[in-house]
């Protein structure tokens, strides 16, 4: 299997910068691991979307989309679990 290219939406980058500094390295490491395994153990496909998945990192969630034909993963959201799904329309 090919390595996926990770792309961050600008909004996801802004969300990451707003998070507590102690959790950011764990989130970045989890996202980097998606390059080789885009559907790791514990990931969930989001209902109502063909491409959207989420992974858990403690109390935080990363929502991402997998585009297999382009070998790209786009990071869409990085937020606390209580806020991540609010207003999310794939």
PDB file of N, CA and C in Angstrom:
ATOM      1  N   UNK A   1       0.842  -1.179   0.000  1.00  0.00           N
ATOM      2  CA  UNK A   1       0.000   0.000   0.000  1.00  0.00           C
ATOM      3  C   UNK A   1       0.889   1.245   0.000  1.00  0.00           C
ATOM      4  N   UNK A   2       0.463   2.258  -0.731  1.00  0.00           N
ATOM      5  CA  UNK A   2       1.199   3.514  -0.795  1.00  0.00           C
ATOM      6  C   UNK A   2       1.037   4.300   0.494  1.00  0.00           C
ATOM      7  N   UNK A   3       2.028   5.144   0.760  1.00  0.00           N
ATOM      8  CA  UNK A   3       1.899   6.079   1.876  1.00  0.00           C
ATOM      9  C   UNK A   3       0.975   7.212   1.430  1.00  0.00           C
ATOM     10  N   UNK A   4       0.095   7.597   2.325  1.00  0.00           N
ATOM     11  CA  UNK A   4      -0.823   8.685   2.030  1.00  0.00           C
ATOM     12  C   UNK A   4      -0.150  10.019   2.330  1.00  0.00           C
ATOM     13  N   UNK A   5      -0.527  11.021   1.584  1.00  0.00           N
ATOM     14  CA  UNK A   5      -0.068  12.381   1.851  1.00  0.00           C
ATOM     15  C   UNK A   5      -1.064  13.023   2.808  1.00  0.00           C
ATOM     16  N   UNK A   6      -0.570  13.650   3.855  1.00  0.00           N
ATOM     17  CA  UNK A   6      -1.424  14.321   4.827  1.00  0.00           C
ATOM     18  C   UNK A   6      -1.534  15.792   4.446  1.00  0.00           C
ATOM     19  N   UNK A   7      -2.763  16.276   4.314  1.00  0.00           N
ATOM     20  CA  UNK A   7      -3.012  17.692   4.058  1.00  0.00           C
ATOM     21  C   UNK A   7      -3.921  18.221   5.157  1.00  0.00           C
ATOM     22  N   UNK A   8      -3.611  19.395   5.660  1.00  0.00           N
ATOM     23  CA  UNK A   8      -4.391  20.022   6.718  1.00  0.00           C
ATOM     24  C   UNK A   8      -5.200  21.167   6.137  1.00  0.00           C
ATOM     25  N   UNK A   9      -6.488  21.221   6.438  1.00  0.00           N
ATOM     26  CA  UNK A   9      -7.266  22.412   6.108  1.00  0.00           C
ATOM     27  C   UNK A   9      -6.757  23.540   7.004  1.00  0.00           C
ATOM     28  N   UNK A  10      -6.819  24.756   6.507  1.00  0.00           N
ATOM     29  CA  UNK A  10      -6.359  25.898   7.314  1.00  0.00           C
ATOM     30  C   UNK A  10      -7.144  26.006   8.615  1.00  0.00           C
ATOM     31  N   UNK A  11      -8.435  25.698   8.560  1.00  0.00           N
ATOM     32  CA  UNK A  11      -9.250  25.768   9.777  1.00  0.00           C
ATOM     33  C   UNK A  11      -8.788  24.737  10.804  1.00  0.00           C
ATOM     34  N   UNK A  12      -8.376  23.558  10.353  1.00  0.00           N
ATOM     35  CA  UNK A  12      -7.881  22.528  11.277  1.00  0.00           C
ATOM     36  C   UNK A  12      -6.543  22.951  11.884  1.00  0.00           C
ATOM     37  N   UNK A  13      -5.711  23.618  11.112  1.00  0.00           N
ATOM     38  CA  UNK A  13      -4.443  24.120  11.640  1.00  0.00           C
ATOM     39  C   UNK A  13      -4.694  25.157  12.726  1.00  0.00           C
ATOM     40  N   UNK A  14      -5.666  26.041  12.507  1.00  0.00           N
ATOM     41  CA  UNK A  14      -6.010  27.052  13.518  1.00  0.00           C
ATOM     42  C   UNK A  14      -6.528  26.384  14.784  1.00  0.00           C
ATOM     43  N   UNK A  15      -7.387  25.363  14.611  1.00  0.00           N
ATOM     44  CA  UNK A  15      -7.921  24.645  15.773  1.00  0.00           C
ATOM     45  C   UNK A  15      -6.796  23.991  16.573  1.00  0.00           C
ATOM     46  N   UNK A  16      -5.832  23.411  15.880  1.00  0.00           N
ATOM     47  CA  UNK A  16      -4.708  22.754  16.544  1.00  0.00           C
ATOM     48  C   UNK A  16      -3.904  23.759  17.368  1.00  0.00           C
ATOM     49  N   UNK A  17      -3.674  24.947  16.828  1.00  0.00           N
ATOM     50  CA  UNK A  17      -2.907  25.976  17.546  1.00  0.00           C
ATOM     51  C   UNK A  17      -3.618  26.444  18.814  1.00  0.00           C
ATOM     52  N   UNK A  18      -4.936  26.338  18.859  1.00  0.00           N
ATOM     53  CA  UNK A  18      -5.703  26.796  20.020  1.00  0.00           C
ATOM     54  C   UNK A  18      -5.734  25.770  21.157  1.00  0.00           C
ATOM     55  N   UNK A  19      -5.339  24.544  20.872  1.00  0.00           N
ATOM     56  CA  UNK A  19      -5.411  23.486  21.883  1.00  0.00           C
ATOM     57  C   UNK A  19      -4.306  23.621  22.920  1.00  0.00           C
ATOM     58  N   UNK A  20      -4.511  22.943  24.048  1.00  0.00           N
ATOM     59  CA  UNK A  20      -3.518  22.893  25.109  1.00  0.00           C
ATOM     60  C   UNK A  20      -2.226  22.297  24.557  1.00  0.00           C
ATOM     61  N   UNK A  21      -1.110  22.935  24.843  1.00  0.00           N
ATOM     62  CA  UNK A  21       0.181  22.522  24.284  1.00  0.00           C
ATOM     63  C   UNK A  21       0.578  21.100  24.676  1.00  0.00           C
ATOM     64  N   UNK A  22       0.054  20.601  25.791  1.00  0.00           N
ATOM     65  CA  UNK A  22       0.443  19.259  26.237  1.00  0.00           C
ATOM     66  C   UNK A  22      -0.145  18.154  25.361  1.00  0.00           C
ATOM     67  N   UNK A  23      -1.247  18.427  24.668  1.00  0.00           N
ATOM     68  CA  UNK A  23      -1.883  17.390  23.855  1.00  0.00           C
ATOM     69  C   UNK A  23      -1.481  17.466  22.379  1.00  0.00           C
ATOM     70  N   UNK A  24      -0.946  18.591  21.945  1.00  0.00           N
ATOM     71  CA  UNK A  24      -0.612  18.784  20.530  1.00  0.00           C
ATOM     72  C   UNK A  24       0.371  17.736  19.999  1.00  0.00           C
ATOM     73  N   UNK A  25       1.472  17.414  20.697  1.00  0.00           N
ATOM     74  CA  UNK A  25       2.386  16.389  20.157  1.00  0.00           C
ATOM     75  C   UNK A  25       1.711  15.030  19.959  1.00  0.00           C
ATOM     76  N   UNK A  26       0.820  14.648  20.859  1.00  0.00           N
ATOM     77  CA  UNK A  26       0.107  13.369  20.702  1.00  0.00           C
ATOM     78  C   UNK A  26      -0.783  13.395  19.470  1.00  0.00           C
ATOM     79  N   UNK A  27      -1.448  14.514  19.231  1.00  0.00           N
ATOM     80  CA  UNK A  27      -2.327  14.636  18.060  1.00  0.00           C
ATOM     81  C   UNK A  27      -1.504  14.585  16.782  1.00  0.00           C
ATOM     82  N   UNK A  28      -0.402  15.314  16.736  1.00  0.00           N
ATOM     83  CA  UNK A  28       0.443  15.318  15.542  1.00  0.00           C
ATOM     84  C   UNK A  28       0.994  13.924  15.266  1.00  0.00           C
ATOM     85  N   UNK A  29       1.409  13.216  16.301  1.00  0.00           N
ATOM     86  CA  UNK A  29       1.923  11.858  16.117  1.00  0.00           C
ATOM     87  C   UNK A  29       0.833  10.943  15.558  1.00  0.00           C
ATOM     88  N   UNK A  30      -0.383  11.040  16.100  1.00  0.00           N
ATOM     89  CA  UNK A  30      -1.492  10.199  15.619  1.00  0.00           C
ATOM     90  C   UNK A  30      -1.806  10.500  14.162  1.00  0.00           C
ATOM     91  N   UNK A  31      -1.765  11.771  13.787  1.00  0.00           N
ATOM     92  CA  UNK A  31      -2.034  12.150  12.395  1.00  0.00           C
ATOM     93  C   UNK A  31      -0.935  11.624  11.483  1.00  0.00           C
ATOM     94  N   UNK A  32       0.321  11.718  11.907  1.00  0.00           N
ATOM     95  CA  UNK A  32       1.422  11.211  11.087  1.00  0.00           C
ATOM     96  C   UNK A  32       1.314   9.706  10.879  1.00  0.00           C
ATOM     97  N   UNK A  33       0.809   8.989  11.863  1.00  0.00           N
ATOM     98  CA  UNK A  33       0.645   7.539  11.731  1.00  0.00           C
ATOM     99  C   UNK A  33      -0.414   7.179  10.696  1.00  0.00           C
ATOM    100  N   UNK A  34      -1.297   8.116  10.374  1.00  0.00           N
ATOM    101  CA  UNK A  34      -2.316   7.862   9.349  1.00  0.00           C
ATOM    102  C   UNK A  34      -1.697   7.702   7.962  1.00  0.00           C
ATOM    103  N   UNK A  35      -0.489   8.227   7.760  1.00  0.00           N
ATOM    104  CA  UNK A  35       0.176   8.097   6.459  1.00  0.00           C
ATOM    105  C   UNK A  35       0.284   6.641   6.029  1.00  0.00           C
ATOM    106  N   UNK A  36       0.625   5.772   6.962  1.00  0.00           N
ATOM    107  CA  UNK A  36       0.824   4.356   6.657  1.00  0.00           C
ATOM    108  C   UNK A  36      -0.406   3.510   6.927  1.00  0.00           C
ATOM    109  N   UNK A  37      -1.268   3.973   7.813  1.00  0.00           N
ATOM    110  CA  UNK A  37      -2.472   3.214   8.163  1.00  0.00           C
ATOM    111  C   UNK A  37      -3.635   4.192   8.314  1.00  0.00           C
ATOM    112  N   UNK A  38      -4.342   4.496   7.226  1.00  0.00           N
ATOM    113  CA  UNK A  38      -5.399   5.507   7.278  1.00  0.00           C
ATOM    114  C   UNK A  38      -6.637   5.083   8.074  1.00  0.00           C
ATOM    115  N   UNK A  39      -6.750   3.804   8.365  1.00  0.00           N
ATOM    116  CA  UNK A  39      -7.891   3.319   9.149  1.00  0.00           C
ATOM    117  C   UNK A  39      -7.373   2.495  10.325  1.00  0.00           C
ATOM    118  N   UNK A  40      -6.762   3.163  11.310  1.00  0.00           N
ATOM    119  CA  UNK A  40      -6.191   2.430  12.445  1.00  0.00           C
ATOM    120  C   UNK A  40      -7.275   1.838  13.324  1.00  0.00           C
ATOM    121  N   UNK A  41      -6.862   0.943  14.196  1.00  0.00           N
ATOM    122  CA  UNK A  41      -7.794   0.351  15.152  1.00  0.00           C
ATOM    123  C   UNK A  41      -8.438   1.471  15.969  1.00  0.00           C
ATOM    124  N   UNK A  42      -9.741   1.423  16.103  1.00  0.00           N
ATOM    125  CA  UNK A  42     -10.459   2.427  16.872  1.00  0.00           C
ATOM    126  C   UNK A  42     -10.999   3.579  16.051  1.00  0.00           C
ATOM    127  N   UNK A  43     -10.630   3.677  14.784  1.00  0.00           N
ATOM    128  CA  UNK A  43     -11.184   4.765  13.971  1.00  0.00           C
ATOM    129  C   UNK A  43     -12.642   4.430  13.645  1.00  0.00           C
ATOM    130  N   UNK A  44     -13.431   5.450  13.413  1.00  0.00           N
ATOM    131  CA  UNK A  44     -14.845   5.260  13.095  1.00  0.00           C
ATOM    132  C   UNK A  44     -15.188   6.042  11.838  1.00  0.00           C
ATOM    133  N   UNK A  45     -15.973   5.418  10.982  1.00  0.00           N
ATOM    134  CA  UNK A  45     -16.500   6.108   9.807  1.00  0.00           C
ATOM    135  C   UNK A  45     -17.679   6.950  10.257  1.00  0.00           C
ATOM    136  N   UNK A  46     -17.759   8.178   9.777  1.00  0.00           N
ATOM    137  CA  UNK A  46     -18.852   9.053  10.168  1.00  0.00           C
ATOM    138  C   UNK A  46     -20.062   8.799   9.279  1.00  0.00           C
ATOM    139  N   UNK A  47     -21.214   8.727   9.887  1.00  0.00           N
ATOM    140  CA  UNK A  47     -22.452   8.484   9.147  1.00  0.00           C
ATOM    141  C   UNK A  47     -22.746   9.652   8.224  1.00  0.00           C
ATOM    142  N   UNK A  48     -23.316   9.346   7.069  1.00  0.00           N
ATOM    143  CA  UNK A  48     -23.732  10.380   6.134  1.00  0.00           C
ATOM    144  C   UNK A  48     -22.615  10.918   5.265  1.00  0.00           C
ATOM    145  N   UNK A  49     -21.438  10.318   5.338  1.00  0.00           N
ATOM    146  CA  UNK A  49     -20.325  10.784   4.518  1.00  0.00           C
ATOM    147  C   UNK A  49     -19.598   9.581   3.928  1.00  0.00           C
ATOM    148  N   UNK A  50     -19.204   9.736   2.706  1.00  0.00           N
ATOM    149  CA  UNK A  50     -18.508   8.650   2.033  1.00  0.00           C
ATOM    150  C   UNK A  50     -17.033   8.567   2.425  1.00  0.00           C
ATOM    151  N   UNK A  51     -16.441   9.707   2.792  1.00  0.00           N
ATOM    152  CA  UNK A  51     -15.001   9.760   2.989  1.00  0.00           C
ATOM    153  C   UNK A  51     -14.553  10.069   4.420  1.00  0.00           C
ATOM    154  N   UNK A  52     -15.453  10.486   5.305  1.00  0.00           N
ATOM    155  CA  UNK A  52     -15.061  11.018   6.612  1.00  0.00           C
ATOM    156  C   UNK A  52     -14.908   9.941   7.682  1.00  0.00           C
ATOM    157  N   UNK A  53     -13.835  10.092   8.464  1.00  0.00           N
ATOM    158  CA  UNK A  53     -13.524   9.207   9.573  1.00  0.00           C
ATOM    159  C   UNK A  53     -13.097  10.056  10.757  1.00  0.00           C
ATOM    160  N   UNK A  54     -13.037   9.433  11.937  1.00  0.00           N
ATOM    161  CA  UNK A  54     -12.521  10.135  13.103  1.00  0.00           C
ATOM    162  C   UNK A  54     -11.671   9.192  13.929  1.00  0.00           C
ATOM    163  N   UNK A  55     -10.671   9.779  14.575  1.00  0.00           N
ATOM    164  CA  UNK A  55      -9.856   9.044  15.529  1.00  0.00           C
ATOM    165  C   UNK A  55      -9.901   9.787  16.861  1.00  0.00           C
ATOM    166  N   UNK A  56      -9.714   9.028  17.920  1.00  0.00           N
ATOM    167  CA  UNK A  56      -9.692   9.579  19.283  1.00  0.00           C
ATOM    168  C   UNK A  56      -8.255   9.736  19.743  1.00  0.00           C
ATOM    169  N   UNK A  57      -7.995  10.849  20.394  1.00  0.00           N
ATOM    170  CA  UNK A  57      -6.734  11.053  21.089  1.00  0.00           C
ATOM    171  C   UNK A  57      -7.117  11.632  22.442  1.00  0.00           C
ATOM    172  N   UNK A  58      -7.299  10.774  23.421  1.00  0.00           N
ATOM    173  CA  UNK A  58      -7.775  11.214  24.732  1.00  0.00           C
ATOM    174  C   UNK A  58      -9.163  11.819  24.610  1.00  0.00           C
ATOM    175  N   UNK A  59      -9.331  13.045  25.073  1.00  0.00           N
ATOM    176  CA  UNK A  59     -10.617  13.726  24.989  1.00  0.00           C
ATOM    177  C   UNK A  59     -10.773  14.518  23.699  1.00  0.00           C
ATOM    178  N   UNK A  60      -9.837  14.361  22.788  1.00  0.00           N
ATOM    179  CA  UNK A  60      -9.878  15.106  21.531  1.00  0.00           C
ATOM    180  C   UNK A  60     -10.183  14.170  20.369  1.00  0.00           C
ATOM    181  N   UNK A  61     -10.729  14.756  19.312  1.00  0.00           N
ATOM    182  CA  UNK A  61     -11.066  13.995  18.118  1.00  0.00           C
ATOM    183  C   UNK A  61     -10.468  14.682  16.894  1.00  0.00           C
ATOM    184  N   UNK A  62     -10.013  13.865  15.966  1.00  0.00           N
ATOM    185  CA  UNK A  62      -9.532  14.358  14.677  1.00  0.00           C
ATOM    186  C   UNK A  62     -10.466  13.795  13.624  1.00  0.00           C
ATOM    187  N   UNK A  63     -11.103  14.677  12.877  1.00  0.00           N
ATOM    188  CA  UNK A  63     -11.955  14.260  11.764  1.00  0.00           C
ATOM    189  C   UNK A  63     -11.146  14.443  10.493  1.00  0.00           C
ATOM    190  N   UNK A  64     -11.126  13.401   9.677  1.00  0.00           N
ATOM    191  CA  UNK A  64     -10.351  13.458   8.442  1.00  0.00           C
ATOM    192  C   UNK A  64     -11.095  12.743   7.329  1.00  0.00           C
ATOM    193  N   UNK A  65     -10.692  13.050   6.102  1.00  0.00           N
ATOM    194  CA  UNK A  65     -11.290  12.429   4.922  1.00  0.00           C
ATOM    195  C   UNK A  65     -10.204  11.699   4.162  1.00  0.00           C
ATOM    196  N   UNK A  66     -10.546  10.497   3.706  1.00  0.00           N
ATOM    197  CA  UNK A  66      -9.601   9.670   2.949  1.00  0.00           C
ATOM    198  C   UNK A  66     -10.014   9.689   1.482  1.00  0.00           C
ATOM    199  N   UNK A  67      -9.091  10.097   0.636  1.00  0.00           N
ATOM    200  CA  UNK A  67      -9.311  10.084  -0.809  1.00  0.00           C
ATOM    201  C   UNK A  67      -8.336   9.063  -1.393  1.00  0.00           C
ATOM    202  N   UNK A  68      -8.809   7.825  -1.510  1.00  0.00           N
ATOM    203  CA  UNK A  68      -7.936   6.709  -1.889  1.00  0.00           C
ATOM    204  C   UNK A  68      -7.384   6.841  -3.304  1.00  0.00           C
ATOM    205  N   UNK A  69      -8.173   7.360  -4.245  1.00  0.00           N
ATOM    206  CA  UNK A  69      -7.691   7.461  -5.628  1.00  0.00           C
ATOM    207  C   UNK A  69      -6.558   8.475  -5.749  1.00  0.00           C
ATOM    208  N   UNK A  70      -6.559   9.499  -4.899  1.00  0.00           N
ATOM    209  CA  UNK A  70      -5.511  10.523  -4.936  1.00  0.00           C
ATOM    210  C   UNK A  70      -4.425  10.244  -3.898  1.00  0.00           C
ATOM    211  N   UNK A  71      -4.605   9.227  -3.061  1.00  0.00           N
ATOM    212  CA  UNK A  71      -3.692   8.844  -1.988  1.00  0.00           C
ATOM    213  C   UNK A  71      -3.448  10.054  -1.065  1.00  0.00           C
ATOM    214  N   UNK A  72      -4.563  10.672  -0.640  1.00  0.00           N
ATOM    215  CA  UNK A  72      -4.511  11.870   0.197  1.00  0.00           C
ATOM    216  C   UNK A  72      -5.435  11.693   1.397  1.00  0.00           C
ATOM    217  N   UNK A  73      -4.972  12.168   2.549  1.00  0.00           N
ATOM    218  CA  UNK A  73      -5.805  12.281   3.741  1.00  0.00           C
ATOM    219  C   UNK A  73      -5.858  13.763   4.080  1.00  0.00           C
ATOM    220  N   UNK A  74      -7.078  14.291   4.194  1.00  0.00           N
ATOM    221  CA  UNK A  74      -7.239  15.702   4.541  1.00  0.00           C
ATOM    222  C   UNK A  74      -7.772  15.807   5.961  1.00  0.00           C
ATOM    223  N   UNK A  75      -7.026  16.496   6.822  1.00  0.00           N
ATOM    224  CA  UNK A  75      -7.438  16.716   8.206  1.00  0.00           C
ATOM    225  C   UNK A  75      -8.429  17.880   8.191  1.00  0.00           C
ATOM    226  N   UNK A  76      -9.654  17.598   8.661  1.00  0.00           N
ATOM    227  CA  UNK A  76     -10.735  18.570   8.570  1.00  0.00           C
ATOM    228  C   UNK A  76     -10.941  19.314   9.881  1.00  0.00           C
ATOM    229  N   UNK A  77     -10.928  18.590  10.992  1.00  0.00           N
ATOM    230  CA  UNK A  77     -11.188  19.205  12.304  1.00  0.00           C
ATOM    231  C   UNK A  77     -10.344  18.561  13.381  1.00  0.00           C
ATOM    232  N   UNK A  78      -9.969  19.371  14.376  1.00  0.00           N
ATOM    233  CA  UNK A  78      -9.258  18.891  15.562  1.00  0.00           C
ATOM    234  C   UNK A  78      -9.852  19.660  16.724  1.00  0.00           C
ATOM    235  N   UNK A  79     -10.667  18.988  17.522  1.00  0.00           N
ATOM    236  CA  UNK A  79     -11.337  19.662  18.631  1.00  0.00           C
ATOM    237  C   UNK A  79     -11.576  18.710  19.794  1.00  0.00           C
ATOM    238  N   UNK A  80     -11.995  19.298  20.906  1.00  0.00           N
ATOM    239  CA  UNK A  80     -12.411  18.533  22.068  1.00  0.00           C
ATOM    240  C   UNK A  80     -13.653  17.728  21.691  1.00  0.00           C
ATOM    241  N   UNK A  81     -13.829  16.592  22.307  1.00  0.00           N
ATOM    242  CA  UNK A  81     -14.933  15.695  21.937  1.00  0.00           C
ATOM    243  C   UNK A  81     -16.301  16.327  22.094  1.00  0.00           C
ATOM    244  N   UNK A  82     -16.467  17.274  23.010  1.00  0.00           N
ATOM    245  CA  UNK A  82     -17.784  17.887  23.201  1.00  0.00           C
ATOM    246  C   UNK A  82     -18.119  18.884  22.097  1.00  0.00           C
ATOM    247  N   UNK A  83     -17.108  19.363  21.363  1.00  0.00           N
ATOM    248  CA  UNK A  83     -17.326  20.393  20.346  1.00  0.00           C
ATOM    249  C   UNK A  83     -17.138  19.922  18.912  1.00  0.00           C
ATOM    250  N   UNK A  84     -16.518  18.790  18.713  1.00  0.00           N
ATOM    251  CA  UNK A  84     -16.047  18.425  17.375  1.00  0.00           C
ATOM    252  C   UNK A  84     -17.167  18.241  16.352  1.00  0.00           C
ATOM    253  N   UNK A  85     -18.333  17.768  16.771  1.00  0.00           N
ATOM    254  CA  UNK A  85     -19.389  17.477  15.802  1.00  0.00           C
ATOM    255  C   UNK A  85     -20.348  18.642  15.613  1.00  0.00           C
ATOM    256  N   UNK A  86     -20.267  19.669  16.461  1.00  0.00           N
ATOM    257  CA  UNK A  86     -21.152  20.831  16.345  1.00  0.00           C
ATOM    258  C   UNK A  86     -20.883  21.560  15.041  1.00  0.00           C
ATOM    259  N   UNK A  87     -21.916  21.686  14.243  1.00  0.00           N
ATOM    260  CA  UNK A  87     -21.799  22.424  13.002  1.00  0.00           C
ATOM    261  C   UNK A  87     -20.998  21.718  11.928  1.00  0.00           C
ATOM    262  N   UNK A  88     -20.667  20.455  12.140  1.00  0.00           N
ATOM    263  CA  UNK A  88     -19.901  19.734  11.138  1.00  0.00           C
ATOM    264  C   UNK A  88     -20.844  19.206  10.070  1.00  0.00           C
ATOM    265  N   UNK A  89     -20.712  19.751   8.895  1.00  0.00           N
ATOM    266  CA  UNK A  89     -21.473  19.278   7.735  1.00  0.00           C
ATOM    267  C   UNK A  89     -20.456  18.854   6.691  1.00  0.00           C
ATOM    268  N   UNK A  90     -20.334  17.551   6.488  1.00  0.00           N
ATOM    269  CA  UNK A  90     -19.312  17.015   5.587  1.00  0.00           C
ATOM    270  C   UNK A  90     -19.409  17.666   4.276  1.00  0.00           C
TER     271      UNK A  90
END
